[in-house]
N, C-alpha and C. Protein backbone atom coordinates (compact mmCIF):
# COMPACT_ATOMS: atom_id res chain seq x y z
N MET A 1 22.35 23.42 17.66
CA MET A 1 21.19 22.76 18.20
C MET A 1 21.57 22.08 19.56
N ASP A 2 20.97 22.37 20.64
CA ASP A 2 21.22 21.75 21.98
C ASP A 2 20.70 20.36 21.85
N VAL A 3 21.52 19.47 22.59
CA VAL A 3 21.11 18.03 22.62
C VAL A 3 19.70 17.84 23.10
N SER A 4 19.25 18.65 24.05
CA SER A 4 17.91 18.56 24.57
C SER A 4 16.87 18.91 23.64
N ASP A 5 17.24 19.64 22.47
CA ASP A 5 16.31 20.00 21.45
C ASP A 5 16.28 18.98 20.28
N GLU A 6 17.11 17.98 20.33
CA GLU A 6 17.19 17.04 19.25
C GLU A 6 15.82 16.27 19.05
N MET A 7 15.36 16.07 17.84
CA MET A 7 14.13 15.50 17.57
C MET A 7 14.33 14.21 16.78
N TYR A 8 13.43 13.21 16.90
CA TYR A 8 13.50 12.04 16.10
C TYR A 8 12.18 11.97 15.29
N LEU A 9 12.30 11.55 14.04
CA LEU A 9 11.18 11.26 13.13
C LEU A 9 10.86 9.81 13.17
N LEU A 10 9.67 9.35 13.34
CA LEU A 10 9.25 7.93 13.31
C LEU A 10 9.37 7.48 11.91
N ILE A 11 10.06 6.39 11.67
CA ILE A 11 10.25 5.92 10.22
C ILE A 11 8.99 5.23 9.75
N ASP A 12 8.36 4.42 10.70
CA ASP A 12 7.24 3.60 10.14
C ASP A 12 6.35 3.19 11.34
N ARG A 13 5.19 3.87 11.41
CA ARG A 13 4.29 3.61 12.49
C ARG A 13 3.84 2.19 12.57
N ASP A 14 3.65 1.48 11.48
CA ASP A 14 3.30 0.12 11.48
C ASP A 14 4.38 -0.81 12.17
N LEU A 15 5.62 -0.44 11.98
CA LEU A 15 6.70 -1.12 12.70
C LEU A 15 6.65 -0.86 14.13
N LEU A 16 6.31 0.30 14.59
CA LEU A 16 6.07 0.51 15.97
C LEU A 16 4.99 -0.35 16.50
N ARG A 17 4.00 -0.39 15.75
CA ARG A 17 2.82 -1.30 16.29
C ARG A 17 3.18 -2.76 16.24
N THR A 18 4.02 -3.17 15.33
CA THR A 18 4.45 -4.61 15.33
C THR A 18 5.33 -4.91 16.47
N LEU A 19 6.28 -3.96 16.80
CA LEU A 19 7.19 -4.16 17.89
C LEU A 19 6.49 -4.12 19.23
N MET A 20 5.34 -3.45 19.34
CA MET A 20 4.58 -3.48 20.54
C MET A 20 3.88 -4.80 20.70
N ARG A 21 3.58 -5.46 19.55
CA ARG A 21 2.93 -6.73 19.64
C ARG A 21 3.87 -7.82 20.11
N ARG A 22 5.17 -7.62 19.83
CA ARG A 22 6.19 -8.57 20.26
C ARG A 22 7.50 -7.79 20.57
N THR A 23 7.75 -7.52 21.78
CA THR A 23 8.92 -6.69 22.22
C THR A 23 10.04 -7.59 22.14
N GLY A 24 11.25 -7.04 22.55
CA GLY A 24 12.57 -7.83 22.51
C GLY A 24 12.50 -9.01 23.49
N THR A 25 11.53 -8.99 24.38
CA THR A 25 11.48 -10.15 25.37
C THR A 25 10.41 -11.16 24.79
N GLY A 26 9.74 -10.81 23.74
CA GLY A 26 8.78 -11.74 23.22
C GLY A 26 7.32 -11.43 23.75
N SER A 27 7.24 -10.53 24.63
CA SER A 27 5.91 -10.20 25.27
C SER A 27 5.22 -9.00 24.50
N ARG A 28 3.99 -8.81 24.73
CA ARG A 28 3.22 -7.67 24.27
C ARG A 28 3.23 -6.56 25.09
N ILE A 29 3.14 -5.34 24.61
CA ILE A 29 3.04 -4.16 25.51
C ILE A 29 1.91 -3.27 24.96
N THR A 30 1.04 -2.75 25.82
CA THR A 30 -0.03 -1.88 25.40
C THR A 30 0.48 -0.43 25.32
N VAL A 31 -0.40 0.42 24.75
CA VAL A 31 -0.12 1.84 24.64
C VAL A 31 0.11 2.37 26.09
N ARG A 32 -0.80 2.02 26.96
CA ARG A 32 -0.69 2.58 28.31
C ARG A 32 0.63 2.15 28.99
N GLU A 33 0.92 0.85 28.82
CA GLU A 33 2.14 0.36 29.41
C GLU A 33 3.43 0.93 28.85
N LEU A 34 3.40 1.14 27.61
CA LEU A 34 4.63 1.76 26.96
C LEU A 34 4.72 3.23 27.40
N ALA A 35 3.67 3.94 27.46
CA ALA A 35 3.64 5.26 27.88
C ALA A 35 4.16 5.30 29.36
N GLU A 36 3.70 4.54 30.15
CA GLU A 36 4.10 4.49 31.56
C GLU A 36 5.64 4.15 31.71
N ALA A 37 6.09 3.30 30.99
CA ALA A 37 7.51 2.81 30.99
C ALA A 37 8.40 3.92 30.54
N VAL A 38 7.94 4.83 29.63
CA VAL A 38 8.84 5.86 29.17
C VAL A 38 8.40 7.20 29.68
N ASP A 39 7.46 7.24 30.63
CA ASP A 39 7.10 8.45 31.39
C ASP A 39 6.46 9.55 30.50
N VAL A 40 5.57 9.10 29.61
CA VAL A 40 4.90 10.07 28.79
C VAL A 40 3.34 9.76 28.88
N HIS A 41 2.51 10.68 28.39
CA HIS A 41 1.09 10.51 28.37
C HIS A 41 0.74 9.45 27.31
N PRO A 42 -0.22 8.57 27.53
CA PRO A 42 -0.60 7.57 26.49
C PRO A 42 -0.97 8.19 25.14
N SER A 43 -1.42 9.43 25.20
CA SER A 43 -1.88 10.19 23.96
C SER A 43 -0.73 10.35 22.97
N LEU A 44 0.48 10.51 23.50
CA LEU A 44 1.64 10.61 22.67
C LEU A 44 1.90 9.38 21.85
N ILE A 45 1.77 8.21 22.61
CA ILE A 45 2.02 6.94 21.90
C ILE A 45 0.93 6.70 20.87
N SER A 46 -0.32 6.99 21.24
CA SER A 46 -1.46 6.90 20.32
C SER A 46 -1.25 7.81 19.09
N ALA A 47 -0.75 8.95 19.32
CA ALA A 47 -0.58 9.86 18.19
C ALA A 47 0.51 9.43 17.31
N LEU A 48 1.53 8.86 17.77
CA LEU A 48 2.62 8.23 16.97
C LEU A 48 1.96 7.08 16.17
N LEU A 49 1.23 6.33 16.79
CA LEU A 49 0.60 5.08 16.07
C LEU A 49 -0.37 5.48 14.98
N THR A 50 -1.08 6.56 15.17
CA THR A 50 -2.04 6.99 14.16
C THR A 50 -1.49 7.89 13.09
N GLY A 51 -0.33 8.39 13.37
CA GLY A 51 0.31 9.31 12.41
C GLY A 51 -0.01 10.76 12.66
N LYS A 52 -0.83 11.07 13.71
CA LYS A 52 -1.03 12.51 14.04
C LYS A 52 0.18 13.20 14.40
N GLN A 53 1.13 12.43 15.06
CA GLN A 53 2.41 12.97 15.41
C GLN A 53 3.51 12.11 14.81
N LYS A 54 4.48 12.82 14.19
CA LYS A 54 5.52 12.09 13.48
C LYS A 54 6.85 12.23 14.13
N THR A 55 6.99 13.13 15.00
CA THR A 55 8.22 13.40 15.71
C THR A 55 8.17 13.46 17.21
N THR A 56 9.19 13.21 17.85
CA THR A 56 9.26 13.37 19.37
C THR A 56 10.69 13.68 19.70
N ALA A 57 10.83 14.12 20.94
CA ALA A 57 12.15 14.39 21.52
C ALA A 57 12.94 13.15 21.44
N ALA A 58 14.32 13.28 21.11
CA ALA A 58 15.24 12.15 21.02
C ALA A 58 15.26 11.32 22.21
N ALA A 59 15.16 11.98 23.45
CA ALA A 59 15.24 11.13 24.65
C ALA A 59 14.03 10.18 24.76
N ILE A 60 12.77 10.68 24.37
CA ILE A 60 11.61 9.85 24.33
C ILE A 60 11.73 8.73 23.27
N GLY A 61 12.17 9.07 22.15
CA GLY A 61 12.37 8.04 21.05
C GLY A 61 13.39 7.00 21.52
N LYS A 62 14.38 7.35 22.14
CA LYS A 62 15.37 6.34 22.64
C LYS A 62 14.82 5.48 23.71
N ALA A 63 14.00 6.10 24.59
CA ALA A 63 13.35 5.34 25.72
C ALA A 63 12.33 4.34 25.10
N ILE A 64 11.53 4.73 24.17
CA ILE A 64 10.68 3.82 23.50
C ILE A 64 11.41 2.71 22.88
N ALA A 65 12.41 2.97 22.16
CA ALA A 65 13.21 1.88 21.47
C ALA A 65 13.81 0.95 22.57
N ALA A 66 14.36 1.49 23.58
CA ALA A 66 14.91 0.74 24.61
C ALA A 66 13.89 -0.28 25.25
N ARG A 67 12.71 0.22 25.54
CA ARG A 67 11.67 -0.56 26.13
C ARG A 67 11.17 -1.65 25.17
N LEU A 68 11.19 -1.36 23.91
CA LEU A 68 10.81 -2.33 22.87
C LEU A 68 12.04 -3.38 22.55
N GLY A 69 13.16 -3.02 23.02
CA GLY A 69 14.22 -3.87 22.81
C GLY A 69 15.00 -3.76 21.46
N VAL A 70 14.89 -2.61 20.82
CA VAL A 70 15.55 -2.37 19.55
C VAL A 70 16.38 -1.10 19.61
N ASP A 71 17.38 -1.09 18.62
CA ASP A 71 18.17 0.05 18.50
C ASP A 71 17.27 1.31 18.10
N PRO A 72 17.58 2.43 18.61
CA PRO A 72 16.71 3.65 18.18
C PRO A 72 16.57 3.81 16.70
N LEU A 73 17.67 3.50 16.01
CA LEU A 73 17.63 3.81 14.45
C LEU A 73 16.80 2.81 13.73
N VAL A 74 16.31 1.82 14.39
CA VAL A 74 15.30 0.85 13.85
C VAL A 74 14.01 1.63 13.59
N LEU A 75 13.62 2.45 14.59
CA LEU A 75 12.34 3.15 14.65
C LEU A 75 12.50 4.59 14.19
N TRP A 76 13.53 5.24 14.44
CA TRP A 76 13.64 6.60 14.45
C TRP A 76 14.77 7.11 13.39
N CYS A 77 14.62 8.29 12.90
CA CYS A 77 15.63 8.97 12.11
C CYS A 77 15.79 10.35 12.72
N PRO A 78 17.08 10.68 13.13
CA PRO A 78 17.27 12.01 13.74
C PRO A 78 16.93 13.10 12.80
N VAL A 79 16.20 14.09 13.23
CA VAL A 79 15.85 15.20 12.40
C VAL A 79 16.90 16.24 12.51
N GLY A 80 17.41 16.69 11.38
CA GLY A 80 18.46 17.74 11.39
C GLY A 80 18.64 18.28 9.97
N ARG A 81 19.92 18.67 9.68
CA ARG A 81 20.09 19.21 8.35
C ARG A 81 19.79 18.29 7.12
N SER A 82 20.08 17.04 7.35
CA SER A 82 19.89 16.08 6.23
C SER A 82 18.53 15.48 6.26
N THR A 83 17.81 15.58 7.36
CA THR A 83 16.40 15.06 7.44
C THR A 83 15.57 16.15 8.07
N PRO A 84 14.90 16.91 7.35
CA PRO A 84 14.04 18.04 7.84
C PRO A 84 12.74 17.46 8.45
N ALA A 85 12.27 18.12 9.49
CA ALA A 85 11.02 17.76 10.03
C ALA A 85 9.92 17.80 9.04
N PRO A 86 8.89 16.94 9.19
CA PRO A 86 7.82 16.94 8.25
C PRO A 86 7.02 18.23 8.31
N VAL A 87 6.44 18.66 7.23
CA VAL A 87 5.63 19.79 7.12
C VAL A 87 4.26 19.44 6.37
N GLY A 88 3.16 19.78 7.02
CA GLY A 88 1.90 19.46 6.42
C GLY A 88 1.68 18.08 6.22
N GLU A 89 0.93 17.61 5.16
CA GLU A 89 0.53 16.28 4.95
C GLU A 89 1.36 15.55 3.99
N ASP A 90 2.60 16.16 3.59
CA ASP A 90 3.38 15.57 2.60
C ASP A 90 4.12 14.34 3.06
N VAL A 91 4.24 14.12 4.34
CA VAL A 91 5.04 13.02 4.81
C VAL A 91 4.17 11.91 5.25
N GLN A 92 4.48 10.71 4.82
CA GLN A 92 3.78 9.54 5.17
C GLN A 92 4.69 8.73 6.14
N ALA A 93 4.09 8.39 7.34
CA ALA A 93 4.81 7.62 8.29
C ALA A 93 4.16 6.37 8.53
């Protein structure tokens, strides 16, 4: 697997929402502000928050975690041989 193909699985969307309410600096960040900070469309952040999307590219996951002021592994689990990507509705995030 190429490093550029690495994917991250969001561990807990409620934790993402909580961290957006109080970032590492103690301030709040909106969906639009977070999307702008990590250079993605706001719909990606919204989809992660609603559970419509459970994975994202590792680079985006790392950028989100950095902007929120936490280690990437607080929010994300690398998808690979030991953590398969979710299939269907069986996964709850």
